[in-house]
N, C-alpha and C. Protein backbone atom coordinates (compact mmCIF):
# COMPACT_ATOMS: atom_id res chain seq x y z
N MET A 1 141.62 -25.07 -193.22
CA MET A 1 140.03 -25.58 -193.56
C MET A 1 141.08 -27.64 -193.29
N LYS A 2 141.73 -27.27 -193.53
CA LYS A 2 141.84 -29.35 -193.39
C LYS A 2 141.27 -30.13 -191.49
N PRO A 3 141.91 -28.91 -191.22
CA PRO A 3 140.95 -29.63 -189.39
C PRO A 3 139.79 -29.71 -189.17
N LEU A 4 138.69 -28.49 -190.21
CA LEU A 4 137.12 -29.34 -190.51
C LEU A 4 137.54 -30.00 -191.13
N VAL A 5 137.29 -30.00 -192.02
CA VAL A 5 137.42 -31.56 -193.36
C VAL A 5 137.59 -33.24 -192.08
N TYR A 6 139.06 -33.15 -191.47
CA TYR A 6 138.90 -33.90 -190.69
C TYR A 6 138.53 -33.92 -189.77
N TRP A 7 137.73 -33.26 -188.81
CA TRP A 7 136.14 -33.65 -187.83
C TRP A 7 135.19 -33.58 -188.16
N CYS A 8 135.52 -34.00 -190.16
CA CYS A 8 134.25 -34.54 -190.15
C CYS A 8 133.84 -35.33 -190.53
N ARG A 9 135.12 -35.45 -190.51
CA ARG A 9 135.33 -36.55 -191.46
C ARG A 9 134.65 -38.03 -189.58
N TRP A 10 135.21 -37.21 -188.75
CA TRP A 10 135.86 -38.28 -187.91
C TRP A 10 134.20 -38.30 -186.99
N HIS A 11 133.05 -37.11 -187.51
CA HIS A 11 131.79 -37.07 -186.67
C HIS A 11 130.65 -37.10 -188.03
N GLU A 12 131.36 -38.29 -188.63
CA GLU A 12 130.49 -38.56 -190.29
C GLU A 12 129.59 -37.61 -190.19
N ALA A 13 130.07 -36.26 -190.89
CA ALA A 13 129.07 -35.20 -191.46
C ALA A 13 129.66 -34.81 -192.43
N ARG A 14 128.18 -33.87 -193.74
CA ARG A 14 128.99 -33.52 -194.67
C ARG A 14 129.30 -31.91 -194.06
N LEU A 15 129.81 -31.74 -194.83
CA LEU A 15 130.17 -29.59 -195.34
C LEU A 15 129.96 -30.01 -195.91
N LEU A 16 128.54 -28.99 -195.16
CA LEU A 16 127.91 -27.32 -197.48
C LEU A 16 128.04 -26.40 -196.65
N LEU A 17 128.38 -26.09 -196.83
CA LEU A 17 129.70 -24.06 -196.94
C LEU A 17 128.29 -23.26 -197.55
N HIS A 18 128.15 -22.14 -197.32
CA HIS A 18 127.11 -21.52 -198.06
C HIS A 18 128.19 -19.48 -197.85
N GLY A 19 129.88 -19.98 -196.86
CA GLY A 19 130.22 -18.62 -197.22
C GLY A 19 131.22 -19.47 -196.58
N ARG A 20 132.50 -17.43 -196.76
CA ARG A 20 133.81 -17.96 -197.02
C ARG A 20 134.75 -16.67 -197.10
N SER A 21 135.36 -16.09 -195.60
CA SER A 21 136.02 -15.06 -195.57
C SER A 21 137.54 -14.73 -195.46
N PRO A 22 138.60 -14.27 -195.61
CA PRO A 22 139.90 -14.48 -195.06
C PRO A 22 139.95 -15.24 -193.85
N GLN A 23 138.41 -14.43 -193.18
CA GLN A 23 139.33 -15.57 -191.51
C GLN A 23 137.99 -16.86 -192.12
N ALA A 24 137.40 -17.03 -192.47
CA ALA A 24 136.09 -17.93 -192.01
C ALA A 24 135.67 -18.89 -192.65
N VAL A 25 135.43 -19.65 -192.38
CA VAL A 25 133.89 -20.52 -192.72
C VAL A 25 132.42 -21.10 -192.57
N TRP A 26 131.59 -20.83 -192.55
CA TRP A 26 130.12 -20.38 -192.31
C TRP A 26 129.53 -21.42 -192.94
N GLY A 27 128.18 -21.62 -192.77
CA GLY A 27 127.02 -23.12 -193.18
C GLY A 27 126.62 -24.50 -192.33
N GLU A 28 126.77 -25.05 -193.30
CA GLU A 28 125.69 -26.40 -192.09
C GLU A 28 127.00 -27.76 -192.40
N LEU A 29 126.30 -28.53 -190.68
CA LEU A 29 127.11 -30.14 -190.95
C LEU A 29 126.16 -30.73 -190.91
N ALA A 30 125.85 -31.43 -191.84
CA ALA A 30 124.50 -32.12 -192.45
C ALA A 30 125.73 -33.97 -191.59
N PHE A 31 124.43 -34.22 -190.89
CA PHE A 31 124.18 -35.18 -190.44
C PHE A 31 123.50 -36.34 -190.63
N ALA A 32 123.63 -37.48 -190.46
CA ALA A 32 122.09 -38.29 -190.28
C ALA A 32 120.78 -38.86 -189.82
N ASP A 33 121.47 -37.78 -188.70
CA ASP A 33 119.82 -36.96 -188.16
C ASP A 33 118.63 -36.53 -187.81
N HIS A 34 119.96 -34.86 -187.90
CA HIS A 34 120.31 -33.84 -188.20
C HIS A 34 121.51 -32.58 -188.92
N ASP A 35 120.61 -31.44 -188.96
CA ASP A 35 121.50 -30.41 -189.18
C ASP A 35 121.57 -29.45 -188.84
N THR A 36 123.31 -29.35 -188.85
CA THR A 36 123.38 -27.83 -187.41
C THR A 36 124.27 -26.92 -187.96
N PRO A 37 123.69 -25.22 -188.03
CA PRO A 37 125.03 -24.56 -188.12
C PRO A 37 125.92 -24.19 -187.91
N PHE A 38 127.25 -23.73 -188.74
CA PHE A 38 127.92 -24.36 -187.92
C PHE A 38 129.07 -22.78 -188.58
N ARG A 39 130.43 -22.31 -187.97
CA ARG A 39 130.84 -21.12 -188.44
C ARG A 39 132.81 -21.22 -187.80
N PHE A 40 133.09 -21.52 -189.03
CA PHE A 40 135.47 -22.37 -188.36
C PHE A 40 136.08 -20.49 -188.55
N ASP A 41 136.94 -21.17 -187.48
CA ASP A 41 137.35 -19.27 -188.09
C ASP A 41 138.90 -19.85 -187.58
N LEU A 42 139.82 -19.61 -188.90
CA LEU A 42 140.75 -20.26 -190.39
C LEU A 42 141.70 -20.11 -189.50
N GLN A 43 142.28 -18.74 -188.71
CA GLN A 43 143.33 -18.25 -187.88
C GLN A 43 143.10 -20.17 -186.50
N THR A 44 142.25 -19.33 -185.09
CA THR A 44 142.61 -20.04 -184.96
C THR A 44 141.71 -20.80 -184.09
N GLN A 45 141.49 -21.81 -185.34
CA GLN A 45 140.61 -23.41 -185.18
C GLN A 45 139.89 -23.57 -184.66
N GLN A 46 139.00 -22.35 -184.21
CA GLN A 46 137.70 -22.93 -183.18
C GLN A 46 136.95 -23.11 -183.75
N LEU A 47 136.66 -24.15 -184.30
CA LEU A 47 135.46 -24.20 -184.71
C LEU A 47 133.59 -24.38 -183.49
N THR A 48 132.74 -23.61 -184.28
CA THR A 48 131.50 -22.92 -183.38
C THR A 48 130.35 -23.53 -184.32
N LEU A 49 129.30 -24.29 -183.27
CA LEU A 49 128.26 -25.33 -183.53
C LEU A 49 127.27 -24.74 -183.16
N GLY A 50 126.36 -25.01 -184.07
CA GLY A 50 124.86 -24.64 -183.46
C GLY A 50 124.51 -23.11 -183.94
N PRO A 51 122.98 -23.62 -183.04
CA PRO A 51 122.62 -21.94 -183.49
C PRO A 51 122.64 -21.42 -182.41
N GLU A 52 122.41 -19.91 -182.26
CA GLU A 52 122.58 -18.57 -181.01
C GLU A 52 121.09 -18.89 -180.59
N PRO A 53 121.31 -18.87 -179.59
CA PRO A 53 121.90 -18.11 -178.52
C PRO A 53 122.53 -19.92 -177.81
N ASP A 54 122.36 -21.52 -177.75
CA ASP A 54 123.53 -22.55 -177.83
C ASP A 54 124.03 -23.22 -178.60
N GLN A 55 125.05 -21.79 -178.85
CA GLN A 55 126.28 -22.38 -179.16
C GLN A 55 127.54 -23.23 -178.21
N ARG A 56 128.31 -23.79 -179.46
CA ARG A 56 128.73 -24.37 -179.26
C ARG A 56 130.74 -24.47 -179.88
N THR A 57 131.24 -23.42 -178.17
CA THR A 57 132.62 -23.91 -179.32
C THR A 57 133.84 -24.42 -179.21
N VAL A 58 134.76 -25.55 -179.82
CA VAL A 58 135.47 -26.49 -179.16
C VAL A 58 136.86 -25.36 -180.58
N GLN A 59 137.86 -26.15 -179.99
CA GLN A 59 139.21 -26.09 -180.19
C GLN A 59 139.19 -27.53 -181.25
N LEU A 60 140.00 -27.03 -182.74
CA LEU A 60 140.86 -28.18 -183.21
C LEU A 60 142.22 -28.43 -183.21
N ASP A 61 142.74 -29.23 -183.49
CA ASP A 61 144.42 -29.64 -183.39
C ASP A 61 144.77 -29.58 -185.45
N ASP A 62 145.53 -30.27 -185.29
CA ASP A 62 145.91 -30.14 -186.95
C ASP A 62 145.72 -31.15 -187.70
N MET A 63 145.04 -32.09 -186.81
CA MET A 63 144.00 -33.60 -187.24
C MET A 63 142.67 -33.50 -187.62
N GLY A 64 142.11 -32.02 -186.58
CA GLY A 64 140.87 -32.27 -186.23
C GLY A 64 139.57 -33.03 -184.62
N VAL A 65 140.91 -33.74 -184.04
CA VAL A 65 140.83 -33.81 -183.06
C VAL A 65 139.82 -32.25 -182.42
N GLU A 66 139.02 -32.64 -180.97
CA GLU A 66 139.08 -31.76 -180.11
C GLU A 66 139.79 -31.49 -178.54
N VAL A 67 140.44 -31.24 -178.84
CA VAL A 67 141.59 -30.23 -177.68
C VAL A 67 140.99 -29.37 -176.24
N ASN A 68 139.79 -28.94 -176.06
CA ASN A 68 138.80 -28.78 -175.22
C ASN A 68 138.23 -29.45 -174.39
């Protein structure tokens, strides 16, 4: 979960967790001007942002930097 926490710091977002499983965490990211739902896959370090059907997925490295 460390890459997600770093990503939030780089993007000035508060992490609001709503749930957790062995494979993922999910909830909302609170930015200064809006909130957005998210899901973070703990194994692949993929962060999925936004509501369906407008979701976008980004791959994070160990320091929370988007690599794709």
